[in-house]
Amino acid sequence: MSSNQIEHFLNSWKDGVIEIGRIHLEGGDYQKSAEHFLSTHYAFENEEVLFKPTFTKEVIFRNSKELALSYFIGGEVSEDKGFALKPWEEIRLVELNIIEENNLMVAMGTLNFKPLKFKENTLIAFTFLLIDTDNSLKIKVHHSSPI
């Protein structure tokens, strides 16, 4: 894996979050979009995943696909309002640090989230531990928090 592949993965992740919100706004099947997003970006189907989403207070960790889905589109956990349903107009990678050692790939950086129709952006720090599954990167550990 190369840093270009990691950057491509991060762009795909950002686009996927924005796409879920767009489909929701248009009245489409945003749940199907969110399930596809999780399947293509997180290793829930083949591995254990540790997921600490950005905005959690009551249920801090979402270490199953069902709980991750709840975080992104609402549902299973009462505090979840649907992070991806905000919706976001733009998610911009501000800073990226990468470690690649043997089979270990870690991306750590900051993302600037711009909501649709609002001026106030949210800067988030993230750490993704990535694994190569069938020649595609997937997140095994996700930790993010607002700055």
N, C-alpha and C. Protein backbone atom coordinates (compact mmCIF):
# COMPACT_ATOMS: atom_id res chain seq x y z
N MET A 1 0.84 -1.19 0.00
CA MET A 1 0.00 0.00 0.00
C MET A 1 0.88 1.24 0.00
N SER A 2 0.40 2.28 -0.62
CA SER A 2 1.17 3.52 -0.69
C SER A 2 0.36 4.66 -0.08
N SER A 3 1.04 5.77 0.14
CA SER A 3 0.35 6.93 0.69
C SER A 3 -0.73 7.42 -0.28
N ASN A 4 -0.52 7.23 -1.59
CA ASN A 4 -1.56 7.60 -2.56
C ASN A 4 -2.82 6.76 -2.37
N GLN A 5 -2.65 5.47 -2.10
CA GLN A 5 -3.81 4.60 -1.87
C GLN A 5 -4.54 5.00 -0.59
N ILE A 6 -3.80 5.40 0.42
CA ILE A 6 -4.43 5.84 1.67
C ILE A 6 -5.19 7.14 1.43
N GLU A 7 -4.61 8.07 0.69
CA GLU A 7 -5.31 9.32 0.37
C GLU A 7 -6.55 9.05 -0.47
N HIS A 8 -6.46 8.13 -1.41
CA HIS A 8 -7.62 7.74 -2.22
C HIS A 8 -8.73 7.17 -1.32
N PHE A 9 -8.33 6.32 -0.37
CA PHE A 9 -9.30 5.75 0.57
C PHE A 9 -9.98 6.85 1.38
N LEU A 10 -9.20 7.80 1.89
CA LEU A 10 -9.77 8.90 2.69
C LEU A 10 -10.72 9.74 1.85
N ASN A 11 -10.39 9.98 0.60
CA ASN A 11 -11.31 10.72 -0.28
C ASN A 11 -12.60 9.94 -0.49
N SER A 12 -12.49 8.64 -0.65
CA SER A 12 -13.68 7.80 -0.79
C SER A 12 -14.52 7.85 0.48
N TRP A 13 -13.88 7.83 1.65
CA TRP A 13 -14.59 7.90 2.93
C TRP A 13 -15.35 9.23 3.03
N LYS A 14 -14.66 10.34 2.74
CA LYS A 14 -15.30 11.66 2.80
C LYS A 14 -16.48 11.74 1.84
N ASP A 15 -16.27 11.29 0.60
CA ASP A 15 -17.34 11.32 -0.39
C ASP A 15 -18.53 10.46 0.04
N GLY A 16 -18.24 9.34 0.67
CA GLY A 16 -19.31 8.45 1.14
C GLY A 16 -20.18 9.09 2.21
N VAL A 17 -19.56 9.79 3.14
CA VAL A 17 -20.33 10.49 4.19
C VAL A 17 -21.23 11.55 3.56
N ILE A 18 -20.67 12.34 2.63
CA ILE A 18 -21.45 13.39 1.96
C ILE A 18 -22.59 12.78 1.15
N GLU A 19 -22.32 11.67 0.48
CA GLU A 19 -23.32 11.00 -0.36
C GLU A 19 -24.52 10.51 0.46
N ILE A 20 -24.29 9.98 1.65
CA ILE A 20 -25.39 9.53 2.50
C ILE A 20 -26.33 10.70 2.80
N GLY A 21 -25.76 11.84 3.17
CA GLY A 21 -26.57 13.03 3.46
C GLY A 21 -27.32 13.54 2.24
N ARG A 22 -26.66 13.49 1.07
CA ARG A 22 -27.31 13.94 -0.17
C ARG A 22 -28.51 13.06 -0.50
N ILE A 23 -28.33 11.76 -0.39
CA ILE A 23 -29.42 10.83 -0.68
C ILE A 23 -30.57 11.04 0.30
N HIS A 24 -30.25 11.28 1.56
CA HIS A 24 -31.28 11.55 2.57
C HIS A 24 -32.07 12.81 2.20
N LEU A 25 -31.37 13.88 1.82
CA LEU A 25 -32.03 15.14 1.43
C LEU A 25 -32.96 14.94 0.24
N GLU A 26 -32.56 14.07 -0.67
CA GLU A 26 -33.35 13.84 -1.89
C GLU A 26 -34.45 12.81 -1.68
N GLY A 27 -34.58 12.30 -0.46
CA GLY A 27 -35.64 11.34 -0.17
C GLY A 27 -35.33 9.93 -0.64
N GLY A 28 -34.06 9.64 -0.88
CA GLY A 28 -33.67 8.31 -1.36
C GLY A 28 -33.40 7.34 -0.23
N ASP A 29 -32.93 6.16 -0.59
CA ASP A 29 -32.68 5.10 0.38
C ASP A 29 -31.30 5.31 1.02
N TYR A 30 -31.26 6.24 1.96
CA TYR A 30 -30.00 6.57 2.63
C TYR A 30 -29.51 5.44 3.52
N GLN A 31 -30.41 4.60 4.02
CA GLN A 31 -29.97 3.46 4.84
C GLN A 31 -29.17 2.49 3.99
N LYS A 32 -29.63 2.20 2.79
CA LYS A 32 -28.89 1.32 1.89
C LYS A 32 -27.53 1.92 1.56
N SER A 33 -27.50 3.23 1.33
CA SER A 33 -26.24 3.93 1.04
C SER A 33 -25.29 3.82 2.23
N ALA A 34 -25.81 4.00 3.45
CA ALA A 34 -24.99 3.93 4.66
C ALA A 34 -24.47 2.50 4.88
N GLU A 35 -25.30 1.51 4.62
CA GLU A 35 -24.86 0.12 4.76
C GLU A 35 -23.74 -0.19 3.76
N HIS A 36 -23.88 0.30 2.53
CA HIS A 36 -22.83 0.12 1.52
C HIS A 36 -21.55 0.84 1.95
N PHE A 37 -21.68 2.04 2.46
CA PHE A 37 -20.54 2.82 2.95
C PHE A 37 -19.78 2.05 4.03
N LEU A 38 -20.51 1.50 5.00
CA LEU A 38 -19.87 0.73 6.07
C LEU A 38 -19.17 -0.51 5.51
N SER A 39 -19.82 -1.19 4.57
CA SER A 39 -19.23 -2.40 3.99
C SER A 39 -17.96 -2.12 3.21
N THR A 40 -17.90 -0.97 2.56
CA THR A 40 -16.74 -0.67 1.73
C THR A 40 -15.63 0.05 2.48
N HIS A 41 -15.93 0.60 3.66
CA HIS A 41 -14.92 1.39 4.37
C HIS A 41 -14.51 0.83 5.74
N TYR A 42 -15.29 -0.08 6.29
CA TYR A 42 -14.99 -0.65 7.61
C TYR A 42 -14.91 -2.17 7.51
N ALA A 43 -14.11 -2.78 8.34
CA ALA A 43 -13.85 -4.22 8.27
C ALA A 43 -14.82 -5.06 9.10
N PHE A 44 -16.00 -4.54 9.39
CA PHE A 44 -16.95 -5.25 10.26
C PHE A 44 -17.26 -6.67 9.78
N GLU A 45 -17.28 -6.91 8.48
CA GLU A 45 -17.70 -8.21 7.98
C GLU A 45 -16.67 -9.32 8.18
N ASN A 46 -15.39 -8.93 8.30
CA ASN A 46 -14.35 -9.95 8.41
C ASN A 46 -13.57 -9.89 9.71
N GLU A 47 -13.66 -8.80 10.44
CA GLU A 47 -12.78 -8.56 11.59
C GLU A 47 -13.53 -7.88 12.72
N GLU A 48 -12.92 -7.89 13.88
CA GLU A 48 -13.40 -7.02 14.94
C GLU A 48 -12.96 -5.61 14.61
N VAL A 49 -13.83 -4.65 14.91
CA VAL A 49 -13.54 -3.24 14.64
C VAL A 49 -13.76 -2.46 15.92
N LEU A 50 -12.84 -1.53 16.19
CA LEU A 50 -13.00 -0.60 17.30
C LEU A 50 -13.34 0.76 16.70
N PHE A 51 -14.47 1.33 17.13
CA PHE A 51 -14.96 2.57 16.54
C PHE A 51 -15.38 3.53 17.64
N LYS A 52 -14.64 4.63 17.77
CA LYS A 52 -15.00 5.72 18.68
C LYS A 52 -15.35 6.92 17.81
N PRO A 53 -16.66 7.11 17.55
CA PRO A 53 -17.09 8.22 16.71
C PRO A 53 -16.82 9.59 17.35
N THR A 54 -16.95 10.60 16.52
CA THR A 54 -16.63 11.97 16.93
C THR A 54 -17.53 12.49 18.05
N PHE A 55 -18.83 12.38 17.87
CA PHE A 55 -19.77 13.00 18.80
C PHE A 55 -20.57 11.95 19.56
N THR A 56 -19.98 11.38 20.60
CA THR A 56 -20.70 10.44 21.45
C THR A 56 -20.52 10.84 22.90
N LYS A 57 -21.56 10.64 23.68
CA LYS A 57 -21.50 10.96 25.12
C LYS A 57 -22.02 9.81 25.98
N GLU A 58 -23.14 9.22 25.57
CA GLU A 58 -23.77 8.18 26.37
C GLU A 58 -23.20 6.79 26.06
N VAL A 59 -23.16 6.47 24.78
CA VAL A 59 -22.57 5.21 24.32
C VAL A 59 -21.31 5.63 23.55
N ILE A 60 -20.18 5.51 24.20
CA ILE A 60 -18.94 6.06 23.65
C ILE A 60 -18.46 5.29 22.42
N PHE A 61 -18.48 3.97 22.47
CA PHE A 61 -17.92 3.14 21.40
C PHE A 61 -19.03 2.48 20.60
N ARG A 62 -18.79 2.29 19.30
CA ARG A 62 -19.75 1.66 18.39
C ARG A 62 -19.02 0.54 17.65
N ASN A 63 -18.75 -0.55 18.36
CA ASN A 63 -17.88 -1.61 17.84
C ASN A 63 -18.61 -2.70 17.07
N SER A 64 -19.81 -2.43 16.61
CA SER A 64 -20.52 -3.38 15.74
C SER A 64 -21.07 -2.60 14.56
N LYS A 65 -21.35 -3.32 13.48
CA LYS A 65 -21.88 -2.66 12.28
C LYS A 65 -23.22 -1.98 12.58
N GLU A 66 -24.05 -2.61 13.42
CA GLU A 66 -25.36 -2.04 13.74
C GLU A 66 -25.22 -0.73 14.52
N LEU A 67 -24.28 -0.70 15.47
CA LEU A 67 -24.08 0.53 16.24
C LEU A 67 -23.42 1.61 15.40
N ALA A 68 -22.52 1.23 14.49
CA ALA A 68 -21.91 2.21 13.58
C ALA A 68 -22.98 2.79 12.65
N LEU A 69 -23.86 1.95 12.15
CA LEU A 69 -24.96 2.41 11.30
C LEU A 69 -25.84 3.40 12.06
N SER A 70 -26.13 3.10 13.31
CA SER A 70 -26.91 4.01 14.14
C SER A 70 -26.23 5.37 14.26
N TYR A 71 -24.92 5.37 14.43
CA TYR A 71 -24.20 6.64 14.54
C TYR A 71 -24.33 7.46 13.25
N PHE A 72 -24.16 6.81 12.12
CA PHE A 72 -24.17 7.54 10.85
C PHE A 72 -25.56 8.00 10.41
N ILE A 73 -26.61 7.20 10.70
CA ILE A 73 -27.94 7.57 10.21
C ILE A 73 -29.02 7.60 11.30
N GLY A 74 -28.65 7.37 12.56
CA GLY A 74 -29.64 7.37 13.64
C GLY A 74 -30.30 6.01 13.76
N GLY A 75 -30.96 5.81 14.92
CA GLY A 75 -31.69 4.56 15.07
C GLY A 75 -31.54 3.88 16.39
N GLU A 76 -30.54 3.01 16.50
CA GLU A 76 -30.45 2.10 17.63
C GLU A 76 -30.08 2.77 18.94
N VAL A 77 -29.28 3.82 18.92
CA VAL A 77 -28.83 4.50 20.13
C VAL A 77 -29.55 5.85 20.21
N SER A 78 -30.17 6.14 21.36
CA SER A 78 -31.03 7.33 21.47
C SER A 78 -30.30 8.64 21.18
N GLU A 79 -29.00 8.72 21.47
CA GLU A 79 -28.28 9.97 21.22
C GLU A 79 -27.93 10.18 19.75
N ASP A 80 -28.09 9.17 18.93
CA ASP A 80 -27.70 9.27 17.52
C ASP A 80 -28.75 10.03 16.71
N LYS A 81 -28.28 11.11 16.09
CA LYS A 81 -29.15 11.91 15.23
C LYS A 81 -28.79 11.73 13.76
N GLY A 82 -27.75 10.95 13.51
CA GLY A 82 -27.33 10.71 12.14
C GLY A 82 -26.22 11.65 11.70
N PHE A 83 -24.98 11.30 12.05
CA PHE A 83 -23.82 12.13 11.71
C PHE A 83 -23.78 12.42 10.21
N ALA A 84 -24.05 11.43 9.37
CA ALA A 84 -23.98 11.62 7.92
C ALA A 84 -25.20 12.34 7.37
N LEU A 85 -26.26 12.46 8.17
CA LEU A 85 -27.49 13.11 7.70
C LEU A 85 -27.47 14.62 7.93
N LYS A 86 -26.41 15.14 8.47
CA LYS A 86 -26.32 16.55 8.87
C LYS A 86 -26.98 17.50 7.88
N PRO A 87 -26.80 17.59 6.65
CA PRO A 87 -25.80 16.95 5.80
C PRO A 87 -24.55 17.83 5.68
N TRP A 88 -23.49 17.23 5.16
CA TRP A 88 -22.23 17.94 4.98
C TRP A 88 -22.10 18.36 3.52
N GLU A 89 -21.71 19.60 3.32
CA GLU A 89 -21.47 20.11 1.97
C GLU A 89 -20.08 19.73 1.49
N GLU A 90 -19.13 19.80 2.42
CA GLU A 90 -17.74 19.52 2.06
C GLU A 90 -17.02 18.97 3.28
N ILE A 91 -16.13 18.02 3.04
CA ILE A 91 -15.23 17.52 4.06
C ILE A 91 -13.84 17.63 3.46
N ARG A 92 -13.01 18.43 4.07
CA ARG A 92 -11.69 18.71 3.50
C ARG A 92 -10.60 18.17 4.42
N LEU A 93 -9.69 17.41 3.85
CA LEU A 93 -8.54 16.91 4.58
C LEU A 93 -7.58 18.08 4.79
N VAL A 94 -7.28 18.39 6.04
CA VAL A 94 -6.41 19.53 6.36
C VAL A 94 -4.98 19.06 6.59
N GLU A 95 -4.84 18.00 7.36
CA GLU A 95 -3.51 17.49 7.69
C GLU A 95 -3.56 15.98 7.67
N LEU A 96 -2.49 15.36 7.18
CA LEU A 96 -2.43 13.91 7.13
C LEU A 96 -1.03 13.44 7.49
N ASN A 97 -0.96 12.52 8.43
CA ASN A 97 0.27 11.85 8.81
C ASN A 97 0.05 10.36 8.62
N ILE A 98 1.04 9.69 8.05
CA ILE A 98 0.89 8.27 7.72
C ILE A 98 2.08 7.49 8.26
N ILE A 99 1.79 6.33 8.85
CA ILE A 99 2.83 5.38 9.21
C ILE A 99 2.52 4.09 8.47
N GLU A 100 3.51 3.58 7.76
CA GLU A 100 3.40 2.28 7.10
C GLU A 100 4.59 1.45 7.53
N GLU A 101 4.32 0.39 8.27
CA GLU A 101 5.38 -0.51 8.72
C GLU A 101 4.87 -1.93 8.58
N ASN A 102 5.58 -2.74 7.82
CA ASN A 102 5.16 -4.12 7.56
C ASN A 102 3.73 -4.11 7.05
N ASN A 103 2.81 -4.72 7.76
CA ASN A 103 1.40 -4.73 7.35
C ASN A 103 0.56 -3.70 8.08
N LEU A 104 1.22 -2.80 8.80
CA LEU A 104 0.52 -1.79 9.58
C LEU A 104 0.39 -0.50 8.80
N MET A 105 -0.82 0.03 8.71
CA MET A 105 -1.06 1.31 8.05
C MET A 105 -1.91 2.17 8.97
N VAL A 106 -1.40 3.32 9.33
CA VAL A 106 -2.14 4.24 10.19
C VAL A 106 -2.19 5.60 9.52
N ALA A 107 -3.39 6.16 9.48
CA ALA A 107 -3.58 7.52 8.99
C ALA A 107 -4.11 8.35 10.16
N MET A 108 -3.45 9.48 10.42
CA MET A 108 -3.86 10.37 11.50
C MET A 108 -3.83 11.78 10.94
N GLY A 109 -4.88 12.53 11.21
CA GLY A 109 -4.89 13.89 10.69
C GLY A 109 -6.10 14.66 11.16
N THR A 110 -6.41 15.70 10.38
CA THR A 110 -7.57 16.53 10.70
C THR A 110 -8.43 16.68 9.46
N LEU A 111 -9.72 16.74 9.69
CA LEU A 111 -10.71 16.95 8.65
C LEU A 111 -11.56 18.16 9.02
N ASN A 112 -11.82 19.01 8.04
CA ASN A 112 -12.67 20.17 8.25
C ASN A 112 -14.04 19.86 7.63
N PHE A 113 -15.07 19.79 8.45
CA PHE A 113 -16.42 19.47 8.01
C PHE A 113 -17.22 20.76 7.87
N LYS A 114 -17.72 21.01 6.66
CA LYS A 114 -18.55 22.18 6.40
C LYS A 114 -19.98 21.72 6.18
N PRO A 115 -20.89 22.11 7.10
CA PRO A 115 -22.28 21.70 6.92
C PRO A 115 -22.96 22.48 5.79
N LEU A 116 -23.93 21.87 5.17
CA LEU A 116 -24.71 22.51 4.13
C LEU A 116 -25.53 23.63 4.76
N LYS A 117 -25.50 24.81 4.18
CA LYS A 117 -26.31 25.97 4.58
C LYS A 117 -25.91 26.58 5.92
N PHE A 118 -24.77 26.23 6.46
CA PHE A 118 -24.29 26.85 7.70
C PHE A 118 -22.85 27.28 7.47
N LYS A 119 -22.43 28.33 8.16
CA LYS A 119 -21.07 28.84 7.97
C LYS A 119 -20.06 28.23 8.92
N GLU A 120 -20.51 27.78 10.09
CA GLU A 120 -19.57 27.28 11.10
C GLU A 120 -19.08 25.88 10.76
N ASN A 121 -17.78 25.76 10.55
CA ASN A 121 -17.17 24.46 10.26
C ASN A 121 -16.79 23.76 11.54
N THR A 122 -16.58 22.45 11.44
CA THR A 122 -16.14 21.65 12.57
C THR A 122 -14.83 20.97 12.19
N LEU A 123 -13.80 21.21 12.99
CA LEU A 123 -12.51 20.58 12.76
C LEU A 123 -12.42 19.34 13.65
N ILE A 124 -12.10 18.22 13.03
CA ILE A 124 -12.08 16.94 13.73
C ILE A 124 -10.70 16.30 13.54
N ALA A 125 -10.17 15.75 14.63
CA ALA A 125 -8.94 14.96 14.56
C ALA A 125 -9.35 13.50 14.47
N PHE A 126 -8.64 12.75 13.62
CA PHE A 126 -8.98 11.34 13.45
C PHE A 126 -7.72 10.48 13.43
N THR A 127 -7.90 9.22 13.80
CA THR A 127 -6.89 8.19 13.63
C THR A 127 -7.60 6.97 13.08
N PHE A 128 -7.12 6.48 11.93
CA PHE A 128 -7.64 5.26 11.33
C PHE A 128 -6.50 4.25 11.24
N LEU A 129 -6.70 3.08 11.81
CA LEU A 129 -5.82 1.94 11.57
C LEU A 129 -6.46 1.18 10.42
N LEU A 130 -5.72 1.06 9.32
CA LEU A 130 -6.26 0.46 8.10
C LEU A 130 -5.66 -0.92 7.86
N ILE A 131 -6.49 -1.81 7.34
CA ILE A 131 -6.01 -3.13 6.95
C ILE A 131 -6.32 -3.35 5.48
N ASP A 132 -5.55 -4.21 4.86
CA ASP A 132 -5.77 -4.56 3.47
C ASP A 132 -6.58 -5.85 3.45
N THR A 133 -7.82 -5.76 2.95
CA THR A 133 -8.71 -6.90 2.86
C THR A 133 -9.08 -7.08 1.40
N ASP A 134 -8.67 -8.19 0.82
CA ASP A 134 -8.97 -8.47 -0.59
C ASP A 134 -8.58 -7.31 -1.50
N ASN A 135 -7.38 -6.78 -1.28
CA ASN A 135 -6.84 -5.67 -2.08
C ASN A 135 -7.62 -4.37 -1.97
N SER A 136 -8.31 -4.17 -0.85
CA SER A 136 -8.92 -2.86 -0.59
C SER A 136 -8.70 -2.51 0.87
N LEU A 137 -8.51 -1.24 1.12
CA LEU A 137 -8.30 -0.79 2.49
C LEU A 137 -9.63 -0.71 3.22
N LYS A 138 -9.58 -1.09 4.50
CA LYS A 138 -10.75 -0.95 5.36
C LYS A 138 -10.27 -0.52 6.75
N ILE A 139 -11.16 0.16 7.45
CA ILE A 139 -10.84 0.65 8.78
C ILE A 139 -11.07 -0.46 9.81
N LYS A 140 -10.04 -0.71 10.61
CA LYS A 140 -10.14 -1.66 11.73
C LYS A 140 -10.28 -0.90 13.04
N VAL A 141 -9.63 0.26 13.15
CA VAL A 141 -9.75 1.11 14.33
C VAL A 141 -10.01 2.54 13.84
N HIS A 142 -11.05 3.14 14.37
CA HIS A 142 -11.42 4.53 14.04
C HIS A 142 -11.60 5.27 15.35
N HIS A 143 -10.84 6.34 15.52
CA HIS A 143 -11.01 7.22 16.67
C HIS A 143 -11.04 8.64 16.16
N SER A 144 -12.08 9.38 16.52
CA SER A 144 -12.14 10.78 16.10
C SER A 144 -12.78 11.62 17.18
N SER A 145 -12.38 12.89 17.21
CA SER A 145 -12.90 13.81 18.21
C SER A 145 -12.81 15.23 17.68
N PRO A 146 -13.75 16.08 18.15
CA PRO A 146 -13.69 17.49 17.72
C PRO A 146 -12.50 18.19 18.35
N ILE A 147 -11.97 19.18 17.64
CA ILE A 147 -10.86 19.97 18.16
C ILE A 147 -11.43 21.26 18.73
